[in-house]
Amino acid sequence: MEPSAFIGSSIFLYIAAFIAVMVLGGYLTYHTTAKRKRQRKDKRDRDNLN
């Protein structure tokens, strides 16, 4: 493998890994935010019943 091809593939791997981390982080952030929002709504509904 030529050095230039090796450099190009390693840059591509770095970009792919970065995108994967961003997608995973975004999914986890959205997932926890949705769960927290639902818990707040449930708590508000319970408080309103009393």
C-alpha atoms as a PDB file:
ATOM      1  CA  MET A   1       0.000   0.000   0.000  1.00  0.00           C
ATOM      2  CA  GLU A   2       1.343   3.429  -0.941  1.00  0.00           C
ATOM      3  CA  PRO A   3       1.807   5.986   1.830  1.00  0.00           C
ATOM      4  CA  SER A   4      -0.697   8.410   0.258  1.00  0.00           C
ATOM      5  CA  ALA A   5      -3.380   5.721   0.037  1.00  0.00           C
ATOM      6  CA  PHE A   6      -2.688   4.747   3.642  1.00  0.00           C
ATOM      7  CA  ILE A   7      -3.030   8.363   4.783  1.00  0.00           C
ATOM      8  CA  GLY A   8      -6.286   8.745   2.852  1.00  0.00           C
ATOM      9  CA  SER A   9      -7.810   5.601   4.314  1.00  0.00           C
ATOM     10  CA  SER A  10      -6.801   6.544   7.864  1.00  0.00           C
ATOM     11  CA  ILE A  11      -8.410   9.986   7.442  1.00  0.00           C
ATOM     12  CA  PHE A  12     -11.550   8.283   6.157  1.00  0.00           C
ATOM     13  CA  LEU A  13     -11.544   5.943   9.173  1.00  0.00           C
ATOM     14  CA  TYR A  14     -11.157   8.922  11.546  1.00  0.00           C
ATOM     15  CA  ILE A  15     -14.088  10.694   9.882  1.00  0.00           C
ATOM     16  CA  ALA A  16     -16.233   7.544   9.981  1.00  0.00           C
ATOM     17  CA  ALA A  17     -15.412   7.003  13.669  1.00  0.00           C
ATOM     18  CA  PHE A  18     -16.199  10.660  14.448  1.00  0.00           C
ATOM     19  CA  ILE A  19     -19.584  10.423  12.696  1.00  0.00           C
ATOM     20  CA  ALA A  20     -20.356   7.182  14.546  1.00  0.00           C
ATOM     21  CA  VAL A  21     -19.548   8.823  17.900  1.00  0.00           C
ATOM     22  CA  MET A  22     -21.684  11.861  17.053  1.00  0.00           C
ATOM     23  CA  VAL A  23     -24.651   9.679  16.035  1.00  0.00           C
ATOM     24  CA  LEU A  24     -24.325   7.555  19.166  1.00  0.00           C
ATOM     25  CA  GLY A  25     -24.017  10.634  21.383  1.00  0.00           C
ATOM     26  CA  GLY A  26     -26.988  12.280  19.737  1.00  0.00           C
ATOM     27  CA  TYR A  27     -29.116   9.169  20.123  1.00  0.00           C
ATOM     28  CA  LEU A  28     -28.206   8.775  23.801  1.00  0.00           C
ATOM     29  CA  THR A  29     -28.835  12.471  24.479  1.00  0.00           C
ATOM     30  CA  TYR A  30     -32.235  12.353  22.751  1.00  0.00           C
ATOM     31  CA  HIS A  31     -33.134   9.095  24.497  1.00  0.00           C
ATOM     32  CA  THR A  32     -32.325  10.374  28.007  1.00  0.00           C
ATOM     33  CA  THR A  33     -33.997  13.748  27.309  1.00  0.00           C
ATOM     34  CA  ALA A  34     -37.194  12.027  26.148  1.00  0.00           C
ATOM     35  CA  LYS A  35     -37.163   9.796  29.233  1.00  0.00           C
ATOM     36  CA  ARG A  36     -36.634  12.783  31.565  1.00  0.00           C
ATOM     37  CA  LYS A  37     -39.415  14.715  29.826  1.00  0.00           C
ATOM     38  CA  ARG A  38     -41.786  11.757  30.247  1.00  0.00           C
ATOM     39  CA  GLN A  39     -40.882  11.467  33.956  1.00  0.00           C
ATOM     40  CA  ARG A  40     -41.592  15.185  34.442  1.00  0.00           C
ATOM     41  CA  LYS A  41     -44.958  14.806  32.704  1.00  0.00           C
ATOM     42  CA  ASP A  42     -45.854  11.777  34.837  1.00  0.00           C
ATOM     43  CA  LYS A  43     -44.900  13.651  38.009  1.00  0.00           C
ATOM     44  CA  ARG A  44     -46.963  16.689  36.946  1.00  0.00           C
ATOM     45  CA  ASP A  45     -49.954  14.460  36.203  1.00  0.00           C
ATOM     46  CA  ARG A  46     -49.644  12.784  39.614  1.00  0.00           C
ATOM     47  CA  ASP A  47     -49.428  16.187  41.333  1.00  0.00           C
ATOM     48  CA  ASN A  48     -52.488  17.460  39.476  1.00  0.00           C
ATOM     49  CA  LEU A  49     -54.600  14.494  40.599  1.00  0.00           C
ATOM     50  CA  ASN A  50     -54.139  15.403  44.282  1.00  0.00           C
END
